[in-house]
Amino acid sequence: NLKAEDTAVYFCAVDGISPWCGNFY
């Protein structure tokens, strides 16, 4: 259900130290 506002360059990235995602912002 993609929207126009989804238009962007998408990146993947890794935190190699901690697996916690609670503060992924």
mmCIF file of all heavy atoms, coordinates in Angstrom:
data_MODEL
# 
_entry.id   MODEL 
# 
loop_
_atom_site.group_PDB 
_atom_site.id 
_atom_site.type_symbol 
_atom_site.label_atom_id 
_atom_site.label_alt_id 
_atom_site.label_comp_id 
_atom_site.label_asym_id 
_atom_site.label_entity_id 
_atom_site.label_seq_id 
_atom_site.pdbx_PDB_ins_code 
_atom_site.Cartn_x 
_atom_site.Cartn_y 
_atom_site.Cartn_z 
_atom_site.occupancy 
_atom_site.B_iso_or_equiv 
_atom_site.pdbx_formal_charge 
_atom_site.auth_seq_id 
_atom_site.auth_comp_id 
_atom_site.auth_asym_id 
_atom_site.auth_atom_id 
_atom_site.pdbx_PDB_model_num 
ATOM 1   N N   . ASN A 1 1  ? 0.822  -1.207 0.000  1.00 0.00 ? 1  ASN A N   1 
ATOM 2   C CA  . ASN A 1 1  ? 0.000  0.000  0.000  1.00 0.00 ? 1  ASN A CA  1 
ATOM 3   C C   . ASN A 1 1  ? 0.854  1.255  0.000  1.00 0.00 ? 1  ASN A C   1 
ATOM 4   O O   . ASN A 1 1  ? 0.683  2.164  0.813  1.00 0.00 ? 1  ASN A O   1 
ATOM 5   C CB  . ASN A 1 1  ? -0.950 -0.007 1.197  1.00 0.00 ? 1  ASN A CB  1 
ATOM 6   C CG  . ASN A 1 1  ? -2.021 1.057  1.101  1.00 0.00 ? 1  ASN A CG  1 
ATOM 7   O OD1 . ASN A 1 1  ? -2.364 1.512  0.009  1.00 0.00 ? 1  ASN A OD1 1 
ATOM 8   N ND2 . ASN A 1 1  ? -2.544 1.481  2.249  1.00 0.00 ? 1  ASN A ND2 1 
ATOM 9   N N   . LEU A 1 2  ? 1.772  1.300  -0.930 1.00 0.00 ? 2  LEU A N   1 
ATOM 10  C CA  . LEU A 1 2  ? 2.719  2.404  -0.980 1.00 0.00 ? 2  LEU A CA  1 
ATOM 11  C C   . LEU A 1 2  ? 2.031  3.726  -1.288 1.00 0.00 ? 2  LEU A C   1 
ATOM 12  O O   . LEU A 1 2  ? 1.063  3.786  -2.053 1.00 0.00 ? 2  LEU A O   1 
ATOM 13  C CB  . LEU A 1 2  ? 3.800  2.119  -2.008 1.00 0.00 ? 2  LEU A CB  1 
ATOM 14  C CG  . LEU A 1 2  ? 4.847  1.110  -1.538 1.00 0.00 ? 2  LEU A CG  1 
ATOM 15  C CD1 . LEU A 1 2  ? 5.600  0.528  -2.728 1.00 0.00 ? 2  LEU A CD1 1 
ATOM 16  C CD2 . LEU A 1 2  ? 5.815  1.774  -0.562 1.00 0.00 ? 2  LEU A CD2 1 
ATOM 17  N N   . LYS A 1 3  ? 2.569  4.770  -0.691 1.00 0.00 ? 3  LYS A N   1 
ATOM 18  C CA  . LYS A 1 3  ? 2.065  6.115  -0.853 1.00 0.00 ? 3  LYS A CA  1 
ATOM 19  C C   . LYS A 1 3  ? 3.157  7.004  -1.429 1.00 0.00 ? 3  LYS A C   1 
ATOM 20  O O   . LYS A 1 3  ? 4.339  6.679  -1.355 1.00 0.00 ? 3  LYS A O   1 
ATOM 21  C CB  . LYS A 1 3  ? 1.601  6.678  0.494  1.00 0.00 ? 3  LYS A CB  1 
ATOM 22  C CG  . LYS A 1 3  ? 0.579  5.823  1.212  1.00 0.00 ? 3  LYS A CG  1 
ATOM 23  C CD  . LYS A 1 3  ? 0.268  6.383  2.588  1.00 0.00 ? 3  LYS A CD  1 
ATOM 24  C CE  . LYS A 1 3  ? -0.746 5.537  3.311  1.00 0.00 ? 3  LYS A CE  1 
ATOM 25  N NZ  . LYS A 1 3  ? -1.050 6.071  4.664  1.00 0.00 ? 3  LYS A NZ  1 
ATOM 26  N N   . ALA A 1 4  ? 2.751  8.131  -1.968 1.00 0.00 ? 4  ALA A N   1 
ATOM 27  C CA  . ALA A 1 4  ? 3.711  9.049  -2.554 1.00 0.00 ? 4  ALA A CA  1 
ATOM 28  C C   . ALA A 1 4  ? 4.761  9.476  -1.541 1.00 0.00 ? 4  ALA A C   1 
ATOM 29  O O   . ALA A 1 4  ? 5.936  9.655  -1.890 1.00 0.00 ? 4  ALA A O   1 
ATOM 30  C CB  . ALA A 1 4  ? 2.995  10.271 -3.124 1.00 0.00 ? 4  ALA A CB  1 
ATOM 31  N N   . GLU A 1 5  ? 4.364  9.632  -0.294 1.00 0.00 ? 5  GLU A N   1 
ATOM 32  C CA  . GLU A 1 5  ? 5.299  10.060 0.733  1.00 0.00 ? 5  GLU A CA  1 
ATOM 33  C C   . GLU A 1 5  ? 6.322  8.995  1.105  1.00 0.00 ? 5  GLU A C   1 
ATOM 34  O O   . GLU A 1 5  ? 7.248  9.267  1.869  1.00 0.00 ? 5  GLU A O   1 
ATOM 35  C CB  . GLU A 1 5  ? 4.555  10.533 1.987  1.00 0.00 ? 5  GLU A CB  1 
ATOM 36  C CG  . GLU A 1 5  ? 3.555  9.525  2.520  1.00 0.00 ? 5  GLU A CG  1 
ATOM 37  C CD  . GLU A 1 5  ? 2.138  9.806  2.070  1.00 0.00 ? 5  GLU A CD  1 
ATOM 38  O OE1 . GLU A 1 5  ? 1.954  10.148 0.884  1.00 0.00 ? 5  GLU A OE1 1 
ATOM 39  O OE2 . GLU A 1 5  ? 1.212  9.693  2.892  1.00 0.00 ? 5  GLU A OE2 1 
ATOM 40  N N   . ASP A 1 6  ? 6.169  7.783  0.580  1.00 0.00 ? 6  ASP A N   1 
ATOM 41  C CA  . ASP A 1 6  ? 7.170  6.752  0.777  1.00 0.00 ? 6  ASP A CA  1 
ATOM 42  C C   . ASP A 1 6  ? 8.345  6.895  -0.176 1.00 0.00 ? 6  ASP A C   1 
ATOM 43  O O   . ASP A 1 6  ? 9.337  6.178  -0.040 1.00 0.00 ? 6  ASP A O   1 
ATOM 44  C CB  . ASP A 1 6  ? 6.553  5.358  0.606  1.00 0.00 ? 6  ASP A CB  1 
ATOM 45  C CG  . ASP A 1 6  ? 5.497  5.045  1.655  1.00 0.00 ? 6  ASP A CG  1 
ATOM 46  O OD1 . ASP A 1 6  ? 5.723  5.366  2.845  1.00 0.00 ? 6  ASP A OD1 1 
ATOM 47  O OD2 . ASP A 1 6  ? 4.459  4.471  1.287  1.00 0.00 ? 6  ASP A OD2 1 
ATOM 48  N N   . THR A 1 7  ? 8.230  7.778  -1.138 1.00 0.00 ? 7  THR A N   1 
ATOM 49  C CA  . THR A 1 7  ? 9.309  7.990  -2.096 1.00 0.00 ? 7  THR A CA  1 
ATOM 50  C C   . THR A 1 7  ? 10.562 8.469  -1.377 1.00 0.00 ? 7  THR A C   1 
ATOM 51  O O   . THR A 1 7  ? 10.539 9.477  -0.673 1.00 0.00 ? 7  THR A O   1 
ATOM 52  C CB  . THR A 1 7  ? 8.893  9.003  -3.160 1.00 0.00 ? 7  THR A CB  1 
ATOM 53  O OG1 . THR A 1 7  ? 7.811  8.473  -3.930 1.00 0.00 ? 7  THR A OG1 1 
ATOM 54  C CG2 . THR A 1 7  ? 10.049 9.325  -4.086 1.00 0.00 ? 7  THR A CG2 1 
ATOM 55  N N   . ALA A 1 8  ? 11.650 7.740  -1.549 1.00 0.00 ? 8  ALA A N   1 
ATOM 56  C CA  . ALA A 1 8  ? 12.896 8.060  -0.865 1.00 0.00 ? 8  ALA A CA  1 
ATOM 57  C C   . ALA A 1 8  ? 13.961 7.066  -1.292 1.00 0.00 ? 8  ALA A C   1 
ATOM 58  O O   . ALA A 1 8  ? 13.672 6.060  -1.943 1.00 0.00 ? 8  ALA A O   1 
ATOM 59  C CB  . ALA A 1 8  ? 12.715 8.000  0.655  1.00 0.00 ? 8  ALA A CB  1 
ATOM 60  N N   . VAL A 1 9  ? 15.185 7.363  -0.913 1.00 0.00 ? 9  VAL A N   1 
ATOM 61  C CA  . VAL A 1 9  ? 16.247 6.381  -0.991 1.00 0.00 ? 9  VAL A CA  1 
ATOM 62  C C   . VAL A 1 9  ? 16.223 5.589  0.305  1.00 0.00 ? 9  VAL A C   1 
ATOM 63  O O   . VAL A 1 9  ? 16.252 6.171  1.394  1.00 0.00 ? 9  VAL A O   1 
ATOM 64  C CB  . VAL A 1 9  ? 17.621 7.034  -1.196 1.00 0.00 ? 9  VAL A CB  1 
ATOM 65  C CG1 . VAL A 1 9  ? 18.724 5.980  -1.187 1.00 0.00 ? 9  VAL A CG1 1 
ATOM 66  C CG2 . VAL A 1 9  ? 17.652 7.809  -2.507 1.00 0.00 ? 9  VAL A CG2 1 
ATOM 67  N N   . TYR A 1 10 ? 16.175 4.286  0.189  1.00 0.00 ? 10 TYR A N   1 
ATOM 68  C CA  . TYR A 1 10 ? 16.089 3.412  1.346  1.00 0.00 ? 10 TYR A CA  1 
ATOM 69  C C   . TYR A 1 10 ? 17.436 2.772  1.620  1.00 0.00 ? 10 TYR A C   1 
ATOM 70  O O   . TYR A 1 10 ? 18.085 2.242  0.713  1.00 0.00 ? 10 TYR A O   1 
ATOM 71  C CB  . TYR A 1 10 ? 15.031 2.329  1.129  1.00 0.00 ? 10 TYR A CB  1 
ATOM 72  C CG  . TYR A 1 10 ? 13.620 2.844  1.300  1.00 0.00 ? 10 TYR A CG  1 
ATOM 73  C CD1 . TYR A 1 10 ? 13.060 3.694  0.359  1.00 0.00 ? 10 TYR A CD1 1 
ATOM 74  C CD2 . TYR A 1 10 ? 12.851 2.491  2.409  1.00 0.00 ? 10 TYR A CD2 1 
ATOM 75  C CE1 . TYR A 1 10 ? 11.779 4.188  0.513  1.00 0.00 ? 10 TYR A CE1 1 
ATOM 76  C CE2 . TYR A 1 10 ? 11.570 2.974  2.567  1.00 0.00 ? 10 TYR A CE2 1 
ATOM 77  C CZ  . TYR A 1 10 ? 11.031 3.818  1.624  1.00 0.00 ? 10 TYR A CZ  1 
ATOM 78  O OH  . TYR A 1 10 ? 9.754  4.300  1.781  1.00 0.00 ? 10 TYR A OH  1 
ATOM 79  N N   . PHE A 1 11 ? 17.840 2.807  2.875  1.00 0.00 ? 11 PHE A N   1 
ATOM 80  C CA  . PHE A 1 11 ? 19.104 2.262  3.322  1.00 0.00 ? 11 PHE A CA  1 
ATOM 81  C C   . PHE A 1 11 ? 18.873 1.188  4.374  1.00 0.00 ? 11 PHE A C   1 
ATOM 82  O O   . PHE A 1 11 ? 17.932 1.275  5.158  1.00 0.00 ? 11 PHE A O   1 
ATOM 83  C CB  . PHE A 1 11 ? 19.984 3.342  3.964  1.00 0.00 ? 11 PHE A CB  1 
ATOM 84  C CG  . PHE A 1 11 ? 20.290 4.518  3.087  1.00 0.00 ? 11 PHE A CG  1 
ATOM 85  C CD1 . PHE A 1 11 ? 19.408 5.581  2.997  1.00 0.00 ? 11 PHE A CD1 1 
ATOM 86  C CD2 . PHE A 1 11 ? 21.468 4.569  2.370  1.00 0.00 ? 11 PHE A CD2 1 
ATOM 87  C CE1 . PHE A 1 11 ? 19.685 6.678  2.203  1.00 0.00 ? 11 PHE A CE1 1 
ATOM 88  C CE2 . PHE A 1 11 ? 21.766 5.658  1.573  1.00 0.00 ? 11 PHE A CE2 1 
ATOM 89  C CZ  . PHE A 1 11 ? 20.871 6.711  1.491  1.00 0.00 ? 11 PHE A CZ  1 
ATOM 90  N N   . CYS A 1 12 ? 19.744 0.210  4.411  1.00 0.00 ? 12 CYS A N   1 
ATOM 91  C CA  . CYS A 1 12 ? 19.793 -0.675 5.553  1.00 0.00 ? 12 CYS A CA  1 
ATOM 92  C C   . CYS A 1 12 ? 21.052 -0.358 6.345  1.00 0.00 ? 12 CYS A C   1 
ATOM 93  O O   . CYS A 1 12 ? 22.064 0.090  5.794  1.00 0.00 ? 12 CYS A O   1 
ATOM 94  C CB  . CYS A 1 12 ? 19.742 -2.152 5.155  1.00 0.00 ? 12 CYS A CB  1 
ATOM 95  S SG  . CYS A 1 12 ? 21.056 -2.722 4.061  1.00 0.00 ? 12 CYS A SG  1 
ATOM 96  N N   . ALA A 1 13 ? 20.970 -0.559 7.641  1.00 0.00 ? 13 ALA A N   1 
ATOM 97  C CA  . ALA A 1 13 ? 22.083 -0.249 8.519  1.00 0.00 ? 13 ALA A CA  1 
ATOM 98  C C   . ALA A 1 13 ? 22.059 -1.174 9.721  1.00 0.00 ? 13 ALA A C   1 
ATOM 99  O O   . ALA A 1 13 ? 21.018 -1.728 10.076 1.00 0.00 ? 13 ALA A O   1 
ATOM 100 C CB  . ALA A 1 13 ? 22.019 1.215  8.977  1.00 0.00 ? 13 ALA A CB  1 
ATOM 101 N N   . VAL A 1 14 ? 23.210 -1.314 10.356 1.00 0.00 ? 14 VAL A N   1 
ATOM 102 C CA  . VAL A 1 14 ? 23.367 -2.237 11.469 1.00 0.00 ? 14 VAL A CA  1 
ATOM 103 C C   . VAL A 1 14 ? 24.011 -1.547 12.657 1.00 0.00 ? 14 VAL A C   1 
ATOM 104 O O   . VAL A 1 14 ? 24.967 -0.775 12.504 1.00 0.00 ? 14 VAL A O   1 
ATOM 105 C CB  . VAL A 1 14 ? 24.206 -3.466 11.050 1.00 0.00 ? 14 VAL A CB  1 
ATOM 106 C CG1 . VAL A 1 14 ? 24.715 -4.229 12.273 1.00 0.00 ? 14 VAL A CG1 1 
ATOM 107 C CG2 . VAL A 1 14 ? 23.394 -4.395 10.159 1.00 0.00 ? 14 VAL A CG2 1 
ATOM 108 N N   . ASP A 1 15 ? 23.476 -1.825 13.833 1.00 0.00 ? 15 ASP A N   1 
ATOM 109 C CA  . ASP A 1 15 ? 24.156 -1.547 15.091 1.00 0.00 ? 15 ASP A CA  1 
ATOM 110 C C   . ASP A 1 15 ? 24.809 -2.857 15.494 1.00 0.00 ? 15 ASP A C   1 
ATOM 111 O O   . ASP A 1 15 ? 24.123 -3.794 15.909 1.00 0.00 ? 15 ASP A O   1 
ATOM 112 C CB  . ASP A 1 15 ? 23.166 -1.075 16.154 1.00 0.00 ? 15 ASP A CB  1 
ATOM 113 C CG  . ASP A 1 15 ? 23.819 -0.786 17.496 1.00 0.00 ? 15 ASP A CG  1 
ATOM 114 O OD1 . ASP A 1 15 ? 24.943 -1.269 17.754 1.00 0.00 ? 15 ASP A OD1 1 
ATOM 115 O OD2 . ASP A 1 15 ? 23.200 -0.077 18.316 1.00 0.00 ? 15 ASP A OD2 1 
ATOM 116 N N   . GLY A 1 16 ? 26.117 -2.941 15.353 1.00 0.00 ? 16 GLY A N   1 
ATOM 117 C CA  . GLY A 1 16 ? 26.827 -4.173 15.621 1.00 0.00 ? 16 GLY A CA  1 
ATOM 118 C C   . GLY A 1 16 ? 27.076 -4.450 17.085 1.00 0.00 ? 16 GLY A C   1 
ATOM 119 O O   . GLY A 1 16 ? 27.664 -5.486 17.407 1.00 0.00 ? 16 GLY A O   1 
ATOM 120 N N   . ILE A 1 17 ? 26.659 -3.574 17.966 1.00 0.00 ? 17 ILE A N   1 
ATOM 121 C CA  . ILE A 1 17 ? 26.914 -3.723 19.394 1.00 0.00 ? 17 ILE A CA  1 
ATOM 122 C C   . ILE A 1 17 ? 25.693 -4.233 20.134 1.00 0.00 ? 17 ILE A C   1 
ATOM 123 O O   . ILE A 1 17 ? 25.770 -5.190 20.906 1.00 0.00 ? 17 ILE A O   1 
ATOM 124 C CB  . ILE A 1 17 ? 27.393 -2.398 20.001 1.00 0.00 ? 17 ILE A CB  1 
ATOM 125 C CG1 . ILE A 1 17 ? 28.705 -1.965 19.348 1.00 0.00 ? 17 ILE A CG1 1 
ATOM 126 C CG2 . ILE A 1 17 ? 27.551 -2.526 21.511 1.00 0.00 ? 17 ILE A CG2 1 
ATOM 127 C CD1 . ILE A 1 17 ? 29.177 -0.599 19.768 1.00 0.00 ? 17 ILE A CD1 1 
ATOM 128 N N   . SER A 1 18 ? 24.553 -3.592 19.923 1.00 0.00 ? 18 SER A N   1 
ATOM 129 C CA  . SER A 1 18 ? 23.339 -3.934 20.657 1.00 0.00 ? 18 SER A CA  1 
ATOM 130 C C   . SER A 1 18 ? 22.233 -4.342 19.707 1.00 0.00 ? 18 SER A C   1 
ATOM 131 O O   . SER A 1 18 ? 22.017 -3.689 18.685 1.00 0.00 ? 18 SER A O   1 
ATOM 132 C CB  . SER A 1 18 ? 22.869 -2.753 21.495 1.00 0.00 ? 18 SER A CB  1 
ATOM 133 O OG  . SER A 1 18 ? 21.608 -3.021 22.082 1.00 0.00 ? 18 SER A OG  1 
ATOM 134 N N   . PRO A 1 19 ? 21.497 -5.406 20.032 1.00 0.00 ? 19 PRO A N   1 
ATOM 135 C CA  . PRO A 1 19 ? 20.377 -5.818 19.195 1.00 0.00 ? 19 PRO A CA  1 
ATOM 136 C C   . PRO A 1 19 ? 19.075 -5.091 19.493 1.00 0.00 ? 19 PRO A C   1 
ATOM 137 O O   . PRO A 1 19 ? 18.091 -5.286 18.774 1.00 0.00 ? 19 PRO A O   1 
ATOM 138 C CB  . PRO A 1 19 ? 20.235 -7.312 19.516 1.00 0.00 ? 19 PRO A CB  1 
ATOM 139 C CG  . PRO A 1 19 ? 20.617 -7.390 20.958 1.00 0.00 ? 19 PRO A CG  1 
ATOM 140 C CD  . PRO A 1 19 ? 21.731 -6.381 21.127 1.00 0.00 ? 19 PRO A CD  1 
ATOM 141 N N   . TRP A 1 20 ? 19.042 -4.285 20.535 1.00 0.00 ? 20 TRP A N   1 
ATOM 142 C CA  . TRP A 1 20 ? 17.808 -3.616 20.935 1.00 0.00 ? 20 TRP A CA  1 
ATOM 143 C C   . TRP A 1 20 ? 17.344 -2.659 19.859 1.00 0.00 ? 20 TRP A C   1 
ATOM 144 O O   . TRP A 1 20 ? 18.125 -1.882 19.320 1.00 0.00 ? 20 TRP A O   1 
ATOM 145 C CB  . TRP A 1 20 ? 17.991 -2.876 22.253 1.00 0.00 ? 20 TRP A CB  1 
ATOM 146 C CG  . TRP A 1 20 ? 18.394 -3.758 23.383 1.00 0.00 ? 20 TRP A CG  1 
ATOM 147 C CD1 . TRP A 1 20 ? 19.610 -3.814 23.983 1.00 0.00 ? 20 TRP A CD1 1 
ATOM 148 C CD2 . TRP A 1 20 ? 17.567 -4.720 24.056 1.00 0.00 ? 20 TRP A CD2 1 
ATOM 149 N NE1 . TRP A 1 20 ? 19.605 -4.742 24.985 1.00 0.00 ? 20 TRP A NE1 1 
ATOM 150 C CE2 . TRP A 1 20 ? 18.368 -5.324 25.058 1.00 0.00 ? 20 TRP A CE2 1 
ATOM 151 C CE3 . TRP A 1 20 ? 16.250 -5.133 23.914 1.00 0.00 ? 20 TRP A CE3 1 
ATOM 152 C CZ2 . TRP A 1 20 ? 17.882 -6.309 25.905 1.00 0.00 ? 20 TRP A CZ2 1 
ATOM 153 C CZ3 . TRP A 1 20 ? 15.765 -6.128 24.759 1.00 0.00 ? 20 TRP A CZ3 1 
ATOM 154 C CH2 . TRP A 1 20 ? 16.577 -6.695 25.736 1.00 0.00 ? 20 TRP A CH2 1 
ATOM 155 N N   . CYS A 1 21 ? 16.058 -2.690 19.587 1.00 0.00 ? 21 CYS A N   1 
ATOM 156 C CA  . CYS A 1 21 ? 15.467 -1.830 18.573 1.00 0.00 ? 21 CYS A CA  1 
ATOM 157 C C   . CYS A 1 21 ? 14.571 -0.738 19.149 1.00 0.00 ? 21 CYS A C   1 
ATOM 158 O O   . CYS A 1 21 ? 14.016 0.057  18.390 1.00 0.00 ? 21 CYS A O   1 
ATOM 159 C CB  . CYS A 1 21 ? 14.662 -2.649 17.574 1.00 0.00 ? 21 CYS A CB  1 
ATOM 160 S SG  . CYS A 1 21 ? 15.670 -3.537 16.355 1.00 0.00 ? 21 CYS A SG  1 
ATOM 161 N N   . GLY A 1 22 ? 14.429 -0.709 20.459 1.00 0.00 ? 22 GLY A N   1 
ATOM 162 C CA  . GLY A 1 22 ? 13.537 0.262  21.062 1.00 0.00 ? 22 GLY A CA  1 
ATOM 163 C C   . GLY A 1 22 ? 13.891 1.704  20.761 1.00 0.00 ? 22 GLY A C   1 
ATOM 164 O O   . GLY A 1 22 ? 13.015 2.571  20.698 1.00 0.00 ? 22 GLY A O   1 
ATOM 165 N N   . ASN A 1 23 ? 15.158 1.974  20.574 1.00 0.00 ? 23 ASN A N   1 
ATOM 166 C CA  . ASN A 1 23 ? 15.605 3.333  20.276 1.00 0.00 ? 23 ASN A CA  1 
ATOM 167 C C   . ASN A 1 23 ? 16.150 3.424  18.860 1.00 0.00 ? 23 ASN A C   1 
ATOM 168 O O   . ASN A 1 23 ? 17.118 4.150  18.598 1.00 0.00 ? 23 ASN A O   1 
ATOM 169 C CB  . ASN A 1 23 ? 16.657 3.793  21.286 1.00 0.00 ? 23 ASN A CB  1 
ATOM 170 C CG  . ASN A 1 23 ? 17.949 3.010  21.200 1.00 0.00 ? 23 ASN A CG  1 
ATOM 171 O OD1 . ASN A 1 23 ? 17.971 1.889  20.692 1.00 0.00 ? 23 ASN A OD1 1 
ATOM 172 N ND2 . ASN A 1 23 ? 19.032 3.601  21.697 1.00 0.00 ? 23 ASN A ND2 1 
ATOM 173 N N   . PHE A 1 24 ? 15.525 2.717  17.940 1.00 0.00 ? 24 PHE A N   1 
ATOM 174 C CA  . PHE A 1 24 ? 16.039 2.692  16.570 1.00 0.00 ? 24 PHE A CA  1 
ATOM 175 C C   . PHE A 1 24 ? 15.891 4.026  15.862 1.00 0.00 ? 24 PHE A C   1 
ATOM 176 O O   . PHE A 1 24 ? 16.452 4.216  14.782 1.00 0.00 ? 24 PHE A O   1 
ATOM 177 C CB  . PHE A 1 24 ? 15.393 1.557  15.765 1.00 0.00 ? 24 PHE A CB  1 
ATOM 178 C CG  . PHE A 1 24 ? 14.007 1.840  15.255 1.00 0.00 ? 24 PHE A CG  1 
ATOM 179 C CD1 . PHE A 1 24 ? 13.783 2.059  13.903 1.00 0.00 ? 24 PHE A CD1 1 
ATOM 180 C CD2 . PHE A 1 24 ? 12.928 1.857  16.117 1.00 0.00 ? 24 PHE A CD2 1 
ATOM 181 C CE1 . PHE A 1 24 ? 12.501 2.286  13.422 1.00 0.00 ? 24 PHE A CE1 1 
ATOM 182 C CE2 . PHE A 1 24 ? 11.644 2.084  15.650 1.00 0.00 ? 24 PHE A CE2 1 
ATOM 183 C CZ  . PHE A 1 24 ? 11.435 2.301  14.301 1.00 0.00 ? 24 PHE A CZ  1 
ATOM 184 N N   . TYR A 1 25 ? 15.143 4.948  16.459 1.00 0.00 ? 25 TYR A N   1 
ATOM 185 C CA  . TYR A 1 25 ? 15.041 6.290  15.903 1.00 0.00 ? 25 TYR A CA  1 
ATOM 186 C C   . TYR A 1 25 ? 16.332 7.085  16.057 1.00 0.00 ? 25 TYR A C   1 
ATOM 187 O O   . TYR A 1 25 ? 16.503 8.109  15.382 1.00 0.00 ? 25 TYR A O   1 
ATOM 188 C CB  . TYR A 1 25 ? 13.893 7.053  16.570 1.00 0.00 ? 25 TYR A CB  1 
ATOM 189 C CG  . TYR A 1 25 ? 12.537 6.466  16.314 1.00 0.00 ? 25 TYR A CG  1 
ATOM 190 C CD1 . TYR A 1 25 ? 11.912 5.659  17.269 1.00 0.00 ? 25 TYR A CD1 1 
ATOM 191 C CD2 . TYR A 1 25 ? 11.874 6.706  15.120 1.00 0.00 ? 25 TYR A CD2 1 
ATOM 192 C CE1 . TYR A 1 25 ? 10.663 5.122  17.041 1.00 0.00 ? 25 TYR A CE1 1 
ATOM 193 C CE2 . TYR A 1 25 ? 10.614 6.163  14.888 1.00 0.00 ? 25 TYR A CE2 1 
ATOM 194 C CZ  . TYR A 1 25 ? 10.019 5.377  15.850 1.00 0.00 ? 25 TYR A CZ  1 
ATOM 195 O OH  . TYR A 1 25 ? 8.772  4.840  15.613 1.00 0.00 ? 25 TYR A OH  1 
# 
